[in-house]
PDB file of N, CA and C in Angstrom:
ATOM      1  N   GLN A   1     113.742 109.370  49.435  1.00  0.00           N
ATOM      2  CA  GLN A   1     114.910 109.465  48.684  1.00  0.00           C
ATOM      3  C   GLN A   1     116.031 108.643  49.659  1.00  0.00           C
ATOM      4  N   GLY A   2     116.857 107.546  48.820  1.00  0.00           N
ATOM      5  CA  GLY A   2     117.741 106.759  49.525  1.00  0.00           C
ATOM      6  C   GLY A   2     116.760 105.565  50.206  1.00  0.00           C
ATOM      7  N   LYS A   3     115.551 105.369  49.898  1.00  0.00           N
ATOM      8  CA  LYS A   3     114.957 104.228  50.615  1.00  0.00           C
ATOM      9  C   LYS A   3     114.013 103.749  49.483  1.00  0.00           C
ATOM     10  N   TYR A   4     113.451 102.507  49.671  1.00  0.00           N
ATOM     11  CA  TYR A   4     112.507 102.121  48.906  1.00  0.00           C
ATOM     12  C   TYR A   4     111.572 101.193  49.744  1.00  0.00           C
ATOM     13  N   ARG A   5     110.501 100.635  49.033  1.00  0.00           N
ATOM     14  CA  ARG A   5     109.423  99.790  49.717  1.00  0.00           C
ATOM     15  C   ARG A   5     108.972  98.930  48.571  1.00  0.00           C
ATOM     16  N   LEU A   6     109.234  97.441  48.874  1.00  0.00           N
ATOM     17  CA  LEU A   6     108.593  96.645  47.986  1.00  0.00           C
ATOM     18  C   LEU A   6     107.126  95.984  48.403  1.00  0.00           C
ATOM     19  N   LEU A   7     106.719  96.229  49.512  1.00  0.00           N
ATOM     20  CA  LEU A   7     105.238  95.494  49.804  1.00  0.00           C
ATOM     21  C   LEU A   7     104.459  96.593  49.975  1.00  0.00           C
ATOM     22  N   THR A   8     103.085  96.442  49.807  1.00  0.00           N
ATOM     23  CA  THR A   8     101.949  97.294  49.787  1.00  0.00           C
ATOM     24  C   THR A   8     101.792  97.637  51.268  1.00  0.00           C
ATOM     25  N   GLN A   9     100.835  98.481  51.624  1.00  0.00           N
ATOM     26  CA  GLN A   9     100.330  99.071  53.101  1.00  0.00           C
ATOM     27  C   GLN A   9     101.317  99.502  53.832  1.00  0.00           C
ATOM     28  N   GLY A  10     102.339 100.262  53.268  1.00  0.00           N
ATOM     29  CA  GLY A  10     103.240 101.133  54.212  1.00  0.00           C
ATOM     30  C   GLY A  10     102.622 102.127  55.003  1.00  0.00           C
ATOM     31  N   ARG A  11     102.666 102.247  56.180  1.00  0.00           N
ATOM     32  CA  ARG A  11     102.046 103.286  57.259  1.00  0.00           C
ATOM     33  C   ARG A  11     102.872 104.440  57.195  1.00  0.00           C
ATOM     34  N   SER A  12     104.179 104.203  57.460  1.00  0.00           N
ATOM     35  CA  SER A  12     105.008 105.224  57.626  1.00  0.00           C
ATOM     36  C   SER A  12     106.504 105.351  56.906  1.00  0.00           C
ATOM     37  N   GLU A  13     107.079 106.209  57.193  1.00  0.00           N
ATOM     38  CA  GLU A  13     108.537 106.227  56.534  1.00  0.00           C
ATOM     39  C   GLU A  13     109.303 104.934  57.057  1.00  0.00           C
ATOM     40  N   ALA A  14     109.064 104.675  58.110  1.00  0.00           N
ATOM     41  CA  ALA A  14     109.740 103.336  58.886  1.00  0.00           C
ATOM     42  C   ALA A  14     109.529 102.221  58.087  1.00  0.00           C
ATOM     43  N   ASP A  15     108.382 102.150  57.321  1.00  0.00           N
ATOM     44  CA  ASP A  15     108.118 100.851  56.484  1.00  0.00           C
ATOM     45  C   ASP A  15     109.125 100.942  55.614  1.00  0.00           C
ATOM     46  N   CYS A  16     109.831 101.855  55.063  1.00  0.00           N
ATOM     47  CA  CYS A  16     110.639 102.013  54.080  1.00  0.00           C
ATOM     48  C   CYS A  16     111.981 101.515  54.167  1.00  0.00           C
ATOM     49  N   SER A  17     112.746 100.719  53.276  1.00  0.00           N
ATOM     50  CA  SER A  17     113.929 100.278  53.563  1.00  0.00           C
ATOM     51  C   SER A  17     115.194 101.041  53.164  1.00  0.00           C
ATOM     52  N   PRO A  18     116.275 101.345  53.713  1.00  0.00           N
ATOM     53  CA  PRO A  18     117.498 102.115  52.978  1.00  0.00           C
ATOM     54  C   PRO A  18     117.971 101.356  51.927  1.00  0.00           C
ATOM     55  N   CYS A  19     118.303 101.993  50.975  1.00  0.00           N
ATOM     56  CA  CYS A  19     118.924 101.292  49.922  1.00  0.00           C
ATOM     57  C   CYS A  19     120.478 100.766  50.444  1.00  0.00           C
ATOM     58  N   PRO A  20     120.741  99.501  49.859  1.00  0.00           N
ATOM     59  CA  PRO A  20     121.963  98.818  50.461  1.00  0.00           C
ATOM     60  C   PRO A  20     123.108  99.397  49.903  1.00  0.00           C
ATOM     61  N   GLY A  21     124.251  99.212  50.729  1.00  0.00           N
ATOM     62  CA  GLY A  21     125.661  99.641  50.054  1.00  0.00           C
ATOM     63  C   GLY A  21     125.509  99.266  48.400  1.00  0.00           C
ATOM     64  N   GLY A  22     126.237  99.891  47.719  1.00  0.00           N
ATOM     65  CA  GLY A  22     126.366  99.408  46.134  1.00  0.00           C
ATOM     66  C   GLY A  22     125.005  99.938  45.287  1.00  0.00           C
ATOM     67  N   TYR A  23     124.011 100.553  46.181  1.00  0.00           N
ATOM     68  CA  TYR A  23     122.892 101.297  45.503  1.00  0.00           C
ATOM     69  C   TYR A  23     122.665 102.695  45.996  1.00  0.00           C
ATOM     70  N   TYR A  24     121.876 103.347  45.345  1.00  0.00           N
ATOM     71  CA  TYR A  24     121.345 104.694  45.419  1.00  0.00           C
ATOM     72  C   TYR A  24     119.774 104.941  45.239  1.00  0.00           C
ATOM     73  N   ASN A  25     119.164 105.788  45.516  1.00  0.00           N
ATOM     74  CA  ASN A  25     117.702 106.177  45.034  1.00  0.00           C
ATOM     75  C   ASN A  25     117.566 107.678  45.142  1.00  0.00           C
ATOM     76  N   PRO A  26     117.651 108.323  44.169  1.00  0.00           N
ATOM     77  CA  PRO A  26     117.380 109.805  44.048  1.00  0.00           C
ATOM     78  C   PRO A  26     115.969 110.059  44.051  1.00  0.00           C
ATOM     79  N   HIS A  27     114.764 109.120  43.914  1.00  0.00           N
ATOM     80  CA  HIS A  27     113.544 109.650  43.733  1.00  0.00           C
ATOM     81  C   HIS A  27     112.804 109.464  44.846  1.00  0.00           C
ATOM     82  N   LEU A  28     111.592 109.838  45.040  1.00  0.00           N
ATOM     83  CA  LEU A  28     110.602 109.193  46.212  1.00  0.00           C
ATOM     84  C   LEU A  28     109.667 108.278  45.642  1.00  0.00           C
ATOM     85  N   GLY A  29     109.250 107.504  46.312  1.00  0.00           N
ATOM     86  CA  GLY A  29     107.954 106.391  45.940  1.00  0.00           C
ATOM     87  C   GLY A  29     108.560 105.357  45.172  1.00  0.00           C
ATOM     88  N   GLN A  30     109.615 104.948  45.179  1.00  0.00           N
ATOM     89  CA  GLN A  30     110.529 103.952  44.630  1.00  0.00           C
ATOM     90  C   GLN A  30     110.302 102.448  45.219  1.00  0.00           C
ATOM     91  N   THR A  31     110.279 101.464  44.536  1.00  0.00           N
ATOM     92  CA  THR A  31     110.125 100.010  44.760  1.00  0.00           C
ATOM     93  C   THR A  31     111.720  99.278  44.449  1.00  0.00           C
ATOM     94  N   ASN A  32     112.657 100.168  44.184  1.00  0.00           N
ATOM     95  CA  ASN A  32     113.932  99.665  43.925  1.00  0.00           C
ATOM     96  C   ASN A  32     114.873 100.752  43.994  1.00  0.00           C
ATOM     97  N   CYS A  33     116.226 100.329  43.925  1.00  0.00           N
ATOM     98  CA  CYS A  33     117.163 101.495  43.969  1.00  0.00           C
ATOM     99  C   CYS A  33     118.226 101.288  42.604  1.00  0.00           C
ATOM    100  N   THR A  34     118.894 102.248  42.454  1.00  0.00           N
ATOM    101  CA  THR A  34     119.853 102.212  41.302  1.00  0.00           C
ATOM    102  C   THR A  34     121.116 101.686  41.671  1.00  0.00           C
ATOM    103  N   PRO A  35     121.666 100.960  40.867  1.00  0.00           N
ATOM    104  CA  PRO A  35     123.049 100.404  41.265  1.00  0.00           C
ATOM    105  C   PRO A  35     124.056 101.534  41.020  1.00  0.00           C
ATOM    106  N   CYS A  36     125.443 101.574  41.883  1.00  0.00           N
ATOM    107  CA  CYS A  36     126.300 102.219  41.634  1.00  0.00           C
ATOM    108  C   CYS A  36     126.846 101.941  40.187  1.00  0.00           C
ATOM    109  N   PRO A  37     127.362 103.047  39.515  1.00  0.00           N
ATOM    110  CA  PRO A  37     127.787 102.799  38.298  1.00  0.00           C
ATOM    111  C   PRO A  37     128.967 102.143  38.025  1.00  0.00           C
ATOM    112  N   LYS A  38     129.138 101.379  36.829  1.00  0.00           N
ATOM    113  CA  LYS A  38     130.387 100.651  36.525  1.00  0.00           C
ATOM    114  C   LYS A  38     131.677 101.523  36.850  1.00  0.00           C
ATOM    115  N   ASN A  39     132.482 100.656  37.145  1.00  0.00           N
ATOM    116  CA  ASN A  39     133.917 101.320  37.469  1.00  0.00           C
ATOM    117  C   ASN A  39     133.905 101.974  38.889  1.00  0.00           C
ATOM    118  N   ASN A  40     132.851 102.061  39.769  1.00  0.00           N
ATOM    119  CA  ASN A  40     132.876 102.891  41.029  1.00  0.00           C
ATOM    120  C   ASN A  40     132.372 101.886  41.893  1.00  0.00           C
ATOM    121  N   TYR A  41     132.194 102.205  43.202  1.00  0.00           N
ATOM    122  CA  TYR A  41     131.549 101.757  44.349  1.00  0.00           C
ATOM    123  C   TYR A  41     131.113 102.771  45.233  1.00  0.00           C
ATOM    124  N   CYS A  42     129.935 102.347  45.811  1.00  0.00           N
ATOM    125  CA  CYS A  42     129.094 102.946  46.586  1.00  0.00           C
ATOM    126  C   CYS A  42     128.972 102.363  48.037  1.00  0.00           C
ATOM    127  N   GLN A  43     129.566 102.640  49.031  1.00  0.00           N
ATOM    128  CA  GLN A  43     129.924 101.992  50.384  1.00  0.00           C
ATOM    129  C   GLN A  43     128.667 102.471  51.206  1.00  0.00           C
ATOM    130  N   THR A  44     128.115 103.511  51.158  1.00  0.00           N
ATOM    131  CA  THR A  44     127.168 104.141  52.025  1.00  0.00           C
ATOM    132  C   THR A  44     125.919 103.709  51.983  1.00  0.00           C
ATOM    133  N   PRO A  45     125.099 102.887  52.820  1.00  0.00           N
ATOM    134  CA  PRO A  45     123.740 102.551  52.776  1.00  0.00           C
ATOM    135  C   PRO A  45     122.719 103.750  52.870  1.00  0.00           C
ATOM    136  N   GLY A  46     121.646 104.032  52.331  1.00  0.00           N
ATOM    137  CA  GLY A  46     120.844 104.800  52.149  1.00  0.00           C
ATOM    138  C   GLY A  46     121.149 106.130  51.471  1.00  0.00           C
ATOM    139  N   ALA A  47     122.016 105.877  50.501  1.00  0.00           N
ATOM    140  CA  ALA A  47     122.423 107.167  49.621  1.00  0.00           C
ATOM    141  C   ALA A  47     121.271 107.465  48.674  1.00  0.00           C
ATOM    142  N   THR A  48     121.261 108.788  48.581  1.00  0.00           N
ATOM    143  CA  THR A  48     120.158 109.594  47.640  1.00  0.00           C
ATOM    144  C   THR A  48     120.859 109.637  46.429  1.00  0.00           C
ATOM    145  N   ASP A  49     122.147 109.893  46.130  1.00  0.00           N
ATOM    146  CA  ASP A  49     122.364 109.808  44.894  1.00  0.00           C
ATOM    147  C   ASP A  49     123.674 109.530  44.693  1.00  0.00           C
ATOM    148  N   ASP A  50     124.535 109.375  43.484  1.00  0.00           N
ATOM    149  CA  ASP A  50     125.866 108.682  43.092  1.00  0.00           C
ATOM    150  C   ASP A  50     127.281 109.557  43.604  1.00  0.00           C
ATOM    151  N   SER A  51     126.617 110.770  44.227  1.00  0.00           N
ATOM    152  CA  SER A  51     127.667 111.666  44.634  1.00  0.00           C
ATOM    153  C   SER A  51     128.890 111.040  45.650  1.00  0.00           C
ATOM    154  N   GLN A  52     128.396 110.011  46.276  1.00  0.00           N
ATOM    155  CA  GLN A  52     129.653 109.557  47.180  1.00  0.00           C
ATOM    156  C   GLN A  52     130.144 108.442  46.457  1.00  0.00           C
ATOM    157  N   LYS A  53     129.805 108.242  45.408  1.00  0.00           N
ATOM    158  CA  LYS A  53     130.702 106.955  44.504  1.00  0.00           C
ATOM    159  C   LYS A  53     132.250 107.255  44.624  1.00  0.00           C
ATOM    160  N   GLN A  54     132.998 106.033  44.618  1.00  0.00           N
ATOM    161  CA  GLN A  54     134.556 106.275  44.600  1.00  0.00           C
ATOM    162  C   GLN A  54     135.049 105.403  43.523  1.00  0.00           C
ATOM    163  N   PRO A  55     136.176 105.763  42.916  1.00  0.00           N
ATOM    164  CA  PRO A  55     136.647 104.758  42.053  1.00  0.00           C
ATOM    165  C   PRO A  55     136.954 103.396  42.539  1.00  0.00           C
ATOM    166  N   CYS A  56     136.750 102.488  41.779  1.00  0.00           N
ATOM    167  CA  CYS A  56     137.354 101.070  42.203  1.00  0.00           C
ATOM    168  C   CYS A  56     138.680 101.017  42.232  1.00  0.00           C
ATOM    169  N   GLU A  57     139.589  99.972  43.074  1.00  0.00           N
ATOM    170  CA  GLU A  57     140.626  99.999  43.205  1.00  0.00           C
ATOM    171  C   GLU A  57     141.199  99.309  41.935  1.00  0.00           C
ATOM    172  N   ALA A  58     142.528  99.710  41.652  1.00  0.00           N
ATOM    173  CA  ALA A  58     143.174  99.304  40.468  1.00  0.00           C
ATOM    174  C   ALA A  58     143.398  97.742  40.686  1.00  0.00           C
ATOM    175  N   GLY A  59     143.433  96.969  39.608  1.00  0.00           N
ATOM    176  CA  GLY A  59     143.620  95.442  39.735  1.00  0.00           C
ATOM    177  C   GLY A  59     142.114  94.924  39.910  1.00  0.00           C
ATOM    178  N   TYR A  60     141.013  95.627  39.850  1.00  0.00           N
ATOM    179  CA  TYR A  60     139.671  95.054  40.119  1.00  0.00           C
ATOM    180  C   TYR A  60     138.858  95.669  38.957  1.00  0.00           C
ATOM    181  N   GLU A  61     137.861  94.702  38.636  1.00  0.00           N
ATOM    182  CA  GLU A  61     136.760  95.292  37.393  1.00  0.00           C
ATOM    183  C   GLU A  61     135.685  95.363  38.234  1.00  0.00           C
ATOM    184  N   CYS A  62     134.959  96.545  38.311  1.00  0.00           N
ATOM    185  CA  CYS A  62     133.844  96.777  38.905  1.00  0.00           C
ATOM    186  C   CYS A  62     132.564  96.718  37.807  1.00  0.00           C
ATOM    187  N   ILE A  63     131.589  96.047  37.993  1.00  0.00           N
ATOM    188  CA  ILE A  63     130.745  95.675  36.950  1.00  0.00           C
ATOM    189  C   ILE A  63     129.734  96.656  37.148  1.00  0.00           C
ATOM    190  N   GLU A  64     128.929  96.688  38.114  1.00  0.00           N
ATOM    191  CA  GLU A  64     127.786  97.504  38.539  1.00  0.00           C
ATOM    192  C   GLU A  64     127.227  97.044  40.023  1.00  0.00           C
ATOM    193  N   GLY A  65     126.859  98.011  40.927  1.00  0.00           N
ATOM    194  CA  GLY A  65     126.280  97.632  42.238  1.00  0.00           C
ATOM    195  C   GLY A  65     127.162  97.331  43.259  1.00  0.00           C
ATOM    196  N   ALA A  66     128.597  97.696  42.876  1.00  0.00           N
ATOM    197  CA  ALA A  66     129.641  97.529  43.947  1.00  0.00           C
ATOM    198  C   ALA A  66     129.488  98.265  45.246  1.00  0.00           C
ATOM    199  N   SER A  67     129.873  97.513  46.410  1.00  0.00           N
ATOM    200  CA  SER A  67     129.804  98.344  47.659  1.00  0.00           C
ATOM    201  C   SER A  67     131.054  98.320  48.383  1.00  0.00           C
ATOM    202  N   THR A  68     132.094  97.897  47.658  1.00  0.00           N
ATOM    203  CA  THR A  68     133.568  97.762  48.003  1.00  0.00           C
ATOM    204  C   THR A  68     134.463  97.975  46.913  1.00  0.00           C
ATOM    205  N   PRO A  69     135.795  98.584  47.321  1.00  0.00           N
ATOM    206  CA  PRO A  69     136.591  98.987  46.275  1.00  0.00           C
ATOM    207  C   PRO A  69     137.305  97.889  45.486  1.00  0.00           C
ATOM    208  N   SER A  70     136.965  96.603  46.188  1.00  0.00           N
ATOM    209  CA  SER A  70     137.871  95.387  45.598  1.00  0.00           C
ATOM    210  C   SER A  70     136.864  94.376  45.397  1.00  0.00           C
ATOM    211  N   PRO A  71     135.755  94.414  44.623  1.00  0.00           N
ATOM    212  CA  PRO A  71     134.562  93.221  44.645  1.00  0.00           C
ATOM    213  C   PRO A  71     135.159  92.026  44.031  1.00  0.00           C
ATOM    214  N   THR A  72     134.984  90.810  44.736  1.00  0.00           N
ATOM    215  CA  THR A  72     135.455  89.449  43.920  1.00  0.00           C
ATOM    216  C   THR A  72     134.214  88.388  43.993  1.00  0.00           C
ATOM    217  N   ASP A  73     132.759  89.200  43.942  1.00  0.00           N
ATOM    218  CA  ASP A  73     131.625  88.020  43.929  1.00  0.00           C
ATOM    219  C   ASP A  73     131.195  87.855  42.563  1.00  0.00           C
ATOM    220  N   GLY A  74     132.004  87.971  41.642  1.00  0.00           N
ATOM    221  CA  GLY A  74     131.736  87.984  39.941  1.00  0.00           C
ATOM    222  C   GLY A  74     130.165  88.566  39.524  1.00  0.00           C
ATOM    223  N   VAL A  75     129.563  89.134  40.645  1.00  0.00           N
ATOM    224  CA  VAL A  75     128.236  89.625  40.400  1.00  0.00           C
ATOM    225  C   VAL A  75     128.420  91.375  40.177  1.00  0.00           C
ATOM    226  N   THR A  76     129.058  91.846  40.933  1.00  0.00           N
ATOM    227  CA  THR A  76     129.283  93.450  41.213  1.00  0.00           C
ATOM    228  C   THR A  76     130.550  93.803  40.984  1.00  0.00           C
ATOM    229  N   GLY A  77     131.592  92.699  40.739  1.00  0.00           N
ATOM    230  CA  GLY A  77     132.967  93.103  40.295  1.00  0.00           C
ATOM    231  C   GLY A  77     133.989  91.746  40.388  1.00  0.00           C
ATOM    232  N   ARG A  78     135.043  91.695  39.978  1.00  0.00           N
ATOM    233  CA  ARG A  78     135.985  90.655  40.192  1.00  0.00           C
ATOM    234  C   ARG A  78     137.308  91.065  39.946  1.00  0.00           C
ATOM    235  N   VAL A  79     138.273  90.311  40.190  1.00  0.00           N
ATOM    236  CA  VAL A  79     139.697  90.515  40.177  1.00  0.00           C
ATOM    237  C   VAL A  79     139.932  90.498  38.569  1.00  0.00           C
ATOM    238  N   CYS A  80     140.733  91.540  38.080  1.00  0.00           N
ATOM    239  CA  CYS A  80     141.294  91.731  36.662  1.00  0.00           C
ATOM    240  C   CYS A  80     141.727  90.510  36.233  1.00  0.00           C
ATOM    241  N   PRO A  81     141.218  89.974  34.935  1.00  0.00           N
ATOM    242  CA  PRO A  81     141.918  88.817  34.414  1.00  0.00           C
ATOM    243  C   PRO A  81     142.957  88.786  33.760  1.00  0.00           C
ATOM    244  N   PRO A  82     143.566  87.506  33.530  1.00  0.00           N
ATOM    245  CA  PRO A  82     144.917  87.601  32.673  1.00  0.00           C
ATOM    246  C   PRO A  82     144.418  87.920  31.375  1.00  0.00           C
ATOM    247  N   GLY A  83     145.635  88.794  30.884  1.00  0.00           N
ATOM    248  CA  GLY A  83     145.635  89.290  29.418  1.00  0.00           C
ATOM    249  C   GLY A  83     144.983  90.785  29.568  1.00  0.00           C
ATOM    250  N   TYR A  84     144.718  91.191  30.771  1.00  0.00           N
ATOM    251  CA  TYR A  84     144.170  92.611  30.826  1.00  0.00           C
ATOM    252  C   TYR A  84     144.839  93.410  32.168  1.00  0.00           C
ATOM    253  N   TYR A  85     144.483  94.677  32.222  1.00  0.00           N
ATOM    254  CA  TYR A  85     144.875  95.375  33.128  1.00  0.00           C
ATOM    255  C   TYR A  85     143.731  96.374  33.572  1.00  0.00           C
ATOM    256  N   CYS A  86     143.546  96.574  34.893  1.00  0.00           N
ATOM    257  CA  CYS A  86     142.395  97.267  35.178  1.00  0.00           C
ATOM    258  C   CYS A  86     142.897  98.797  36.007  1.00  0.00           C
ATOM    259  N   PRO A  87     142.846  99.826  35.386  1.00  0.00           N
ATOM    260  CA  PRO A  87     143.363 101.177  36.153  1.00  0.00           C
ATOM    261  C   PRO A  87     142.293 101.535  37.127  1.00  0.00           C
ATOM    262  N   SER A  88     142.510 102.027  38.130  1.00  0.00           N
ATOM    263  CA  SER A  88     141.485 102.559  39.034  1.00  0.00           C
ATOM    264  C   SER A  88     140.428 103.225  38.446  1.00  0.00           C
ATOM    265  N   GLY A  89     139.252 102.853  38.496  1.00  0.00           N
ATOM    266  CA  GLY A  89     137.935 103.752  38.238  1.00  0.00           C
ATOM    267  C   GLY A  89     137.777 103.797  36.591  1.00  0.00           C
ATOM    268  N   GLN A  90     138.561 102.697  35.905  1.00  0.00           N
ATOM    269  CA  GLN A  90     138.212 102.687  34.365  1.00  0.00           C
ATOM    270  C   GLN A  90     137.850 101.192  33.968  1.00  0.00           C
ATOM    271  N   ASP A  91     137.849 101.231  32.740  1.00  0.00           N
ATOM    272  CA  ASP A  91     137.442 100.031  32.175  1.00  0.00           C
ATOM    273  C   ASP A  91     138.577  99.035  32.038  1.00  0.00           C
ATOM    274  N   LYS A  92     138.325  97.684  32.186  1.00  0.00           N
ATOM    275  CA  LYS A  92     139.506  96.778  31.877  1.00  0.00           C
ATOM    276  C   LYS A  92     140.111  97.003  30.604  1.00  0.00           C
ATOM    277  N   GLN A  93     141.564  97.130  30.496  1.00  0.00           N
ATOM    278  CA  GLN A  93     142.116  97.085  29.123  1.00  0.00           C
ATOM    279  C   GLN A  93     143.030  96.075  28.759  1.00  0.00           C
ATOM    280  N   PRO A  94     142.838  95.793  27.533  1.00  0.00           N
ATOM    281  CA  PRO A  94     143.595  94.449  27.107  1.00  0.00           C
ATOM    282  C   PRO A  94     144.930  94.920  27.105  1.00  0.00           C
ATOM    283  N   CYS A  95     145.950  93.889  27.207  1.00  0.00           N
ATOM    284  CA  CYS A  95     147.455  94.107  27.058  1.00  0.00           C
ATOM    285  C   CYS A  95     147.444  94.345  25.479  1.00  0.00           C
ATOM    286  N   PRO A  96     148.150  95.503  25.237  1.00  0.00           N
ATOM    287  CA  PRO A  96     148.699  95.591  23.897  1.00  0.00           C
ATOM    288  C   PRO A  96     149.282  94.689  22.969  1.00  0.00           C
ATOM    289  N   GLN A  97     149.422  94.832  21.543  1.00  0.00           N
ATOM    290  CA  GLN A  97     149.974  93.810  20.863  1.00  0.00           C
ATOM    291  C   GLN A  97     151.420  93.675  21.281  1.00  0.00           C
ATOM    292  N   GLY A  98     152.021  92.466  21.141  1.00  0.00           N
ATOM    293  CA  GLY A  98     153.086  92.287  21.702  1.00  0.00           C
ATOM    294  C   GLY A  98     153.677  92.119  23.157  1.00  0.00           C
ATOM    295  N   LYS A  99     152.565  92.177  23.632  1.00  0.00           N
ATOM    296  CA  LYS A  99     152.630  92.036  25.050  1.00  0.00           C
ATOM    297  C   LYS A  99     151.517  90.909  25.626  1.00  0.00           C
ATOM    298  N   TYR A 100     151.844  90.324  27.035  1.00  0.00           N
ATOM    299  CA  TYR A 100     150.893  89.555  27.706  1.00  0.00           C
ATOM    300  C   TYR A 100     150.913  89.409  28.961  1.00  0.00           C
ATOM    301  N   ARG A 101     149.938  88.961  29.865  1.00  0.00           N
ATOM    302  CA  ARG A 101     149.854  89.081  31.170  1.00  0.00           C
ATOM    303  C   ARG A 101     149.352  87.573  31.571  1.00  0.00           C
ATOM    304  N   LEU A 102     149.811  86.571  32.368  1.00  0.00           N
ATOM    305  CA  LEU A 102     149.424  85.629  32.952  1.00  0.00           C
ATOM    306  C   LEU A 102     148.697  85.714  34.121  1.00  0.00           C
ATOM    307  N   GLN A 103     149.025  86.611  34.957  1.00  0.00           N
ATOM    308  CA  GLN A 103     148.534  86.512  36.173  1.00  0.00           C
ATOM    309  C   GLN A 103     147.203  87.579  36.229  1.00  0.00           C
ATOM    310  N   THR A 104     146.406  87.315  37.226  1.00  0.00           N
ATOM    311  CA  THR A 104     145.396  88.222  37.368  1.00  0.00           C
ATOM    312  C   THR A 104     145.605  89.554  37.899  1.00  0.00           C
ATOM    313  N   GLN A 105     144.879  90.269  38.359  1.00  0.00           N
ATOM    314  CA  GLN A 105     144.976  91.643  38.947  1.00  0.00           C
ATOM    315  C   GLN A 105     146.082  92.669  38.720  1.00  0.00           C
ATOM    316  N   GLY A 106     146.074  92.780  37.246  1.00  0.00           N
ATOM    317  CA  GLY A 106     146.874  93.757  36.739  1.00  0.00           C
ATOM    318  C   GLY A 106     146.393  95.231  36.942  1.00  0.00           C
ATOM    319  N   ARG A 107     147.191  96.163  37.156  1.00  0.00           N
ATOM    320  CA  ARG A 107     146.791  97.479  37.744  1.00  0.00           C
ATOM    321  C   ARG A 107     146.999  98.459  36.642  1.00  0.00           C
ATOM    322  N   ARG A 108     148.104  98.357  35.736  1.00  0.00           N
ATOM    323  CA  ARG A 108     148.559  99.199  34.824  1.00  0.00           C
ATOM    324  C   ARG A 108     149.204  98.306  33.682  1.00  0.00           C
ATOM    325  N   GLU A 109     149.298  98.965  32.638  1.00  0.00           N
ATOM    326  CA  GLU A 109     149.995  98.403  31.318  1.00  0.00           C
ATOM    327  C   GLU A 109     151.497  97.772  31.702  1.00  0.00           C
ATOM    328  N   ALA A 110     152.038  98.301  32.520  1.00  0.00           N
ATOM    329  CA  ALA A 110     153.472  97.973  32.823  1.00  0.00           C
ATOM    330  C   ALA A 110     153.641  96.845  33.796  1.00  0.00           C
ATOM    331  N   ASP A 111     152.463  96.366  34.354  1.00  0.00           N
ATOM    332  CA  ASP A 111     152.403  95.168  35.225  1.00  0.00           C
ATOM    333  C   ASP A 111     152.980  93.989  34.370  1.00  0.00           C
TER     334      ASP A 111
END
C-alpha cells in the first residue's frame, strides 16, 4: 500500500516505489497510483489513501493529482480563469448574470 511497481522481477518491497505527492495507493500489488481527487491536493508521498487530502486554495482550480494547494501546471491545476471564481475545495463557479470578472484568481463571488 502506498507503493507501486512498473517493472517485472521485483525481489523485495524495496523494489517498489512510493506513490508521488498528488497520488495514493490503497491496494497491494499495483502498477500505478490513484490521483488525488478533484478540488483537493495530496502532499505526502507514499500515501495509502486519500484521508490526507486537503482542499485546494481559493483562487485555484485543482483538476486531479495535485500535490500543492495552488497548482499552476495546467495538468493538475491552474489559476482560476477570468469570468469565474474558485472557492477553496470546490468546483469553479461562473460569475452570475449581471456580473463579470476580468482578472484571474477569483476566490469568491464578491471578488
